[in-house]
């Protein structure tokens, strides 16, 4: 739910997450069973980058709303 909500805010989230995953797989540094970060963790780091970048300033969504059950909270409005 959390990743979907961020992707709905900006398509660049999904694109950047995919690029980071492809890079990590190509470099052989992706995969929790092998002792590396999971692709989920890498995607969260890409989102963090978008949040702290002064040119993007993506908002931080409240994780308490994402329970894994039911629907995610209503879409947040944002434009960069």
N, C-alpha and C. Protein backbone atom coordinates (compact mmCIF):
# COMPACT_ATOMS: atom_id res chain seq x y z
N UNK A 1 0.81 -1.19 0.00
CA UNK A 1 0.00 0.00 0.00
C UNK A 1 0.86 1.26 0.00
N UNK A 2 1.91 1.26 0.80
CA UNK A 2 2.75 2.45 0.91
C UNK A 2 3.43 2.79 -0.41
N UNK A 3 4.03 1.80 -1.04
CA UNK A 3 4.71 2.05 -2.31
C UNK A 3 3.71 2.47 -3.38
N UNK A 4 2.54 1.87 -3.38
CA UNK A 4 1.51 2.24 -4.36
C UNK A 4 1.09 3.70 -4.15
N UNK A 5 0.93 4.11 -2.90
CA UNK A 5 0.53 5.49 -2.61
C UNK A 5 1.59 6.48 -3.10
N UNK A 6 2.85 6.17 -2.88
CA UNK A 6 3.90 7.06 -3.38
C UNK A 6 3.95 7.07 -4.91
N UNK A 7 3.71 5.92 -5.52
CA UNK A 7 3.70 5.86 -6.99
C UNK A 7 2.55 6.66 -7.57
N UNK A 8 1.43 6.71 -6.84
CA UNK A 8 0.30 7.50 -7.31
C UNK A 8 0.57 8.99 -7.18
N UNK A 9 1.42 9.37 -6.23
CA UNK A 9 1.80 10.78 -6.10
C UNK A 9 2.61 11.25 -7.29
N UNK A 10 3.52 10.39 -7.73
CA UNK A 10 4.39 10.76 -8.86
C UNK A 10 4.88 9.49 -9.55
N UNK A 11 4.66 9.36 -10.85
CA UNK A 11 5.14 8.19 -11.59
C UNK A 11 6.66 8.02 -11.50
N UNK A 12 7.38 9.09 -11.21
CA UNK A 12 8.83 9.01 -11.10
C UNK A 12 9.26 8.08 -9.97
N UNK A 13 8.42 7.90 -8.96
CA UNK A 13 8.75 7.01 -7.85
C UNK A 13 8.91 5.59 -8.36
N UNK A 14 7.95 5.14 -9.15
CA UNK A 14 8.01 3.78 -9.68
C UNK A 14 9.19 3.64 -10.63
N UNK A 15 9.42 4.63 -11.46
CA UNK A 15 10.52 4.58 -12.42
C UNK A 15 11.88 4.56 -11.71
N UNK A 16 12.06 5.42 -10.71
CA UNK A 16 13.32 5.45 -9.98
C UNK A 16 13.53 4.15 -9.21
N UNK A 17 12.46 3.65 -8.58
CA UNK A 17 12.57 2.38 -7.86
C UNK A 17 12.99 1.25 -8.78
N UNK A 18 12.42 1.20 -9.96
CA UNK A 18 12.78 0.16 -10.93
C UNK A 18 14.23 0.30 -11.37
N UNK A 19 14.66 1.52 -11.63
CA UNK A 19 16.05 1.74 -12.04
C UNK A 19 17.03 1.31 -10.95
N UNK A 20 16.72 1.64 -9.70
CA UNK A 20 17.60 1.25 -8.58
C UNK A 20 17.65 -0.27 -8.45
N UNK A 21 16.48 -0.93 -8.59
CA UNK A 21 16.46 -2.40 -8.51
C UNK A 21 17.28 -3.03 -9.64
N UNK A 22 17.11 -2.50 -10.85
CA UNK A 22 17.87 -3.04 -11.99
C UNK A 22 19.37 -2.85 -11.79
N UNK A 23 19.75 -1.68 -11.30
CA UNK A 23 21.16 -1.42 -11.02
C UNK A 23 21.69 -2.40 -9.98
N UNK A 24 20.94 -2.57 -8.88
CA UNK A 24 21.38 -3.44 -7.79
C UNK A 24 21.50 -4.89 -8.25
N UNK A 25 20.55 -5.35 -9.05
CA UNK A 25 20.63 -6.72 -9.57
C UNK A 25 21.82 -6.88 -10.50
N UNK A 26 22.04 -5.86 -11.35
CA UNK A 26 23.17 -5.91 -12.27
C UNK A 26 24.51 -5.92 -11.56
N UNK A 27 24.59 -5.25 -10.43
CA UNK A 27 25.82 -5.21 -9.64
C UNK A 27 25.93 -6.36 -8.65
N UNK A 28 24.87 -7.15 -8.56
CA UNK A 28 24.87 -8.30 -7.65
C UNK A 28 24.77 -7.92 -6.18
N UNK A 29 24.13 -6.79 -5.89
CA UNK A 29 24.02 -6.35 -4.50
C UNK A 29 22.56 -6.25 -4.04
N UNK A 30 21.71 -7.10 -4.57
CA UNK A 30 20.30 -7.08 -4.22
C UNK A 30 19.88 -8.48 -3.78
N UNK A 31 19.16 -8.56 -2.69
CA UNK A 31 18.63 -9.84 -2.25
C UNK A 31 18.91 -10.09 -0.78
N UNK A 32 17.88 -10.01 0.03
CA UNK A 32 18.02 -10.22 1.47
C UNK A 32 18.56 -11.61 1.81
N UNK A 33 18.14 -12.68 1.12
CA UNK A 33 18.68 -14.00 1.47
C UNK A 33 20.20 -14.11 1.30
N UNK A 34 20.76 -13.27 0.43
CA UNK A 34 22.20 -13.29 0.22
C UNK A 34 22.93 -12.30 1.13
N UNK A 35 22.20 -11.63 2.02
CA UNK A 35 22.82 -10.70 2.94
C UNK A 35 22.83 -9.26 2.47
N UNK A 36 22.16 -8.99 1.36
CA UNK A 36 22.08 -7.63 0.84
C UNK A 36 20.71 -7.04 1.18
N UNK A 37 20.52 -5.79 0.82
CA UNK A 37 19.22 -5.16 1.03
C UNK A 37 18.19 -5.75 0.06
N UNK A 38 16.96 -5.82 0.51
CA UNK A 38 15.88 -6.30 -0.36
C UNK A 38 15.51 -5.20 -1.35
N UNK A 39 14.81 -5.57 -2.40
CA UNK A 39 14.38 -4.57 -3.37
C UNK A 39 13.40 -3.59 -2.73
N UNK A 40 12.62 -4.04 -1.74
CA UNK A 40 11.72 -3.15 -1.01
C UNK A 40 12.52 -2.08 -0.27
N UNK A 41 13.60 -2.49 0.39
CA UNK A 41 14.45 -1.53 1.11
C UNK A 41 15.10 -0.54 0.15
N UNK A 42 15.54 -1.01 -0.99
CA UNK A 42 16.14 -0.11 -1.98
C UNK A 42 15.12 0.90 -2.49
N UNK A 43 13.88 0.46 -2.68
CA UNK A 43 12.82 1.37 -3.13
C UNK A 43 12.52 2.42 -2.06
N UNK A 44 12.50 2.00 -0.79
CA UNK A 44 12.29 2.97 0.29
C UNK A 44 13.41 4.01 0.34
N UNK A 45 14.63 3.59 0.06
CA UNK A 45 15.74 4.54 0.04
C UNK A 45 15.60 5.51 -1.13
N UNK A 46 15.10 5.04 -2.27
CA UNK A 46 14.86 5.94 -3.40
C UNK A 46 13.78 6.96 -3.05
N UNK A 47 12.75 6.53 -2.34
CA UNK A 47 11.70 7.45 -1.91
C UNK A 47 12.28 8.48 -0.93
N UNK A 48 13.12 8.03 -0.02
CA UNK A 48 13.76 8.95 0.92
C UNK A 48 14.57 10.01 0.16
N UNK A 49 15.29 9.59 -0.85
CA UNK A 49 16.05 10.55 -1.66
C UNK A 49 15.12 11.61 -2.24
N UNK A 50 13.96 11.20 -2.74
CA UNK A 50 13.00 12.16 -3.30
C UNK A 50 12.43 13.08 -2.22
N UNK A 51 12.36 12.59 -0.98
CA UNK A 51 11.85 13.41 0.10
C UNK A 51 12.84 14.48 0.55
N UNK A 52 14.12 14.16 0.52
CA UNK A 52 15.13 15.11 1.03
C UNK A 52 15.75 15.96 -0.07
N UNK A 53 15.52 15.61 -1.32
CA UNK A 53 16.06 16.42 -2.42
C UNK A 53 15.36 17.78 -2.41
N UNK A 54 16.11 18.88 -2.31
CA UNK A 54 15.48 20.20 -2.23
C UNK A 54 14.69 20.59 -3.47
N UNK A 55 14.95 19.94 -4.59
CA UNK A 55 14.23 20.26 -5.82
C UNK A 55 12.93 19.48 -5.95
N UNK A 56 12.82 18.37 -5.24
CA UNK A 56 11.64 17.51 -5.35
C UNK A 56 10.70 17.71 -4.16
N UNK A 57 11.23 17.53 -2.96
CA UNK A 57 10.46 17.71 -1.71
C UNK A 57 9.19 16.87 -1.66
N UNK A 58 9.32 15.59 -1.96
CA UNK A 58 8.17 14.69 -1.88
C UNK A 58 7.72 14.60 -0.43
N UNK A 59 6.42 14.60 -0.16
CA UNK A 59 5.94 14.56 1.23
C UNK A 59 6.17 13.19 1.87
N UNK A 60 6.22 13.19 3.18
CA UNK A 60 6.29 11.96 3.95
C UNK A 60 4.87 11.54 4.30
N UNK A 61 4.49 10.36 3.86
CA UNK A 61 3.15 9.85 4.18
C UNK A 61 3.19 9.18 5.55
N UNK A 62 2.15 9.33 6.31
CA UNK A 62 2.06 8.73 7.64
C UNK A 62 1.89 7.22 7.52
N UNK A 63 2.87 6.46 7.96
CA UNK A 63 2.83 5.01 7.80
C UNK A 63 1.77 4.36 8.66
N UNK A 64 1.28 5.02 9.69
CA UNK A 64 0.26 4.42 10.55
C UNK A 64 -1.04 4.16 9.78
N UNK A 65 -1.22 4.82 8.64
CA UNK A 65 -2.42 4.62 7.84
C UNK A 65 -2.33 3.37 6.96
N UNK A 66 -1.16 2.81 6.85
CA UNK A 66 -0.94 1.67 5.96
C UNK A 66 -0.82 0.40 6.80
N UNK A 67 -1.95 -0.28 6.97
CA UNK A 67 -2.00 -1.45 7.84
C UNK A 67 -1.80 -2.76 7.09
N UNK A 68 -1.91 -2.71 5.77
CA UNK A 68 -1.85 -3.94 5.00
C UNK A 68 -3.21 -4.58 4.82
N UNK A 69 -4.20 -4.02 5.49
CA UNK A 69 -5.57 -4.52 5.37
C UNK A 69 -6.43 -3.45 4.73
N UNK A 70 -7.25 -3.85 3.80
CA UNK A 70 -8.17 -2.90 3.18
C UNK A 70 -7.48 -1.92 2.25
N UNK A 71 -8.15 -0.81 2.06
CA UNK A 71 -7.66 0.19 1.13
C UNK A 71 -6.70 1.15 1.82
N UNK A 72 -5.82 1.71 1.03
CA UNK A 72 -4.91 2.74 1.53
C UNK A 72 -5.70 4.02 1.76
N UNK A 73 -5.14 4.95 2.53
CA UNK A 73 -5.86 6.21 2.74
C UNK A 73 -6.07 6.96 1.45
N UNK A 74 -6.96 7.93 1.49
CA UNK A 74 -7.25 8.71 0.30
C UNK A 74 -5.97 9.36 -0.22
N UNK A 75 -5.94 9.53 -1.51
CA UNK A 75 -4.76 10.04 -2.18
C UNK A 75 -4.39 11.44 -1.67
N UNK A 76 -3.11 11.64 -1.48
CA UNK A 76 -2.57 12.94 -1.06
C UNK A 76 -2.28 13.76 -2.31
N UNK A 77 -2.61 15.03 -2.27
CA UNK A 77 -2.32 15.91 -3.41
C UNK A 77 -0.92 16.49 -3.25
N UNK A 78 -0.17 16.48 -4.34
CA UNK A 78 1.20 16.99 -4.31
C UNK A 78 1.65 17.22 -5.73
N UNK A 79 2.44 18.24 -5.93
CA UNK A 79 3.08 18.46 -7.24
C UNK A 79 4.46 19.04 -7.00
N UNK A 80 5.40 18.61 -7.83
CA UNK A 80 6.77 19.09 -7.60
C UNK A 80 7.11 20.22 -8.54
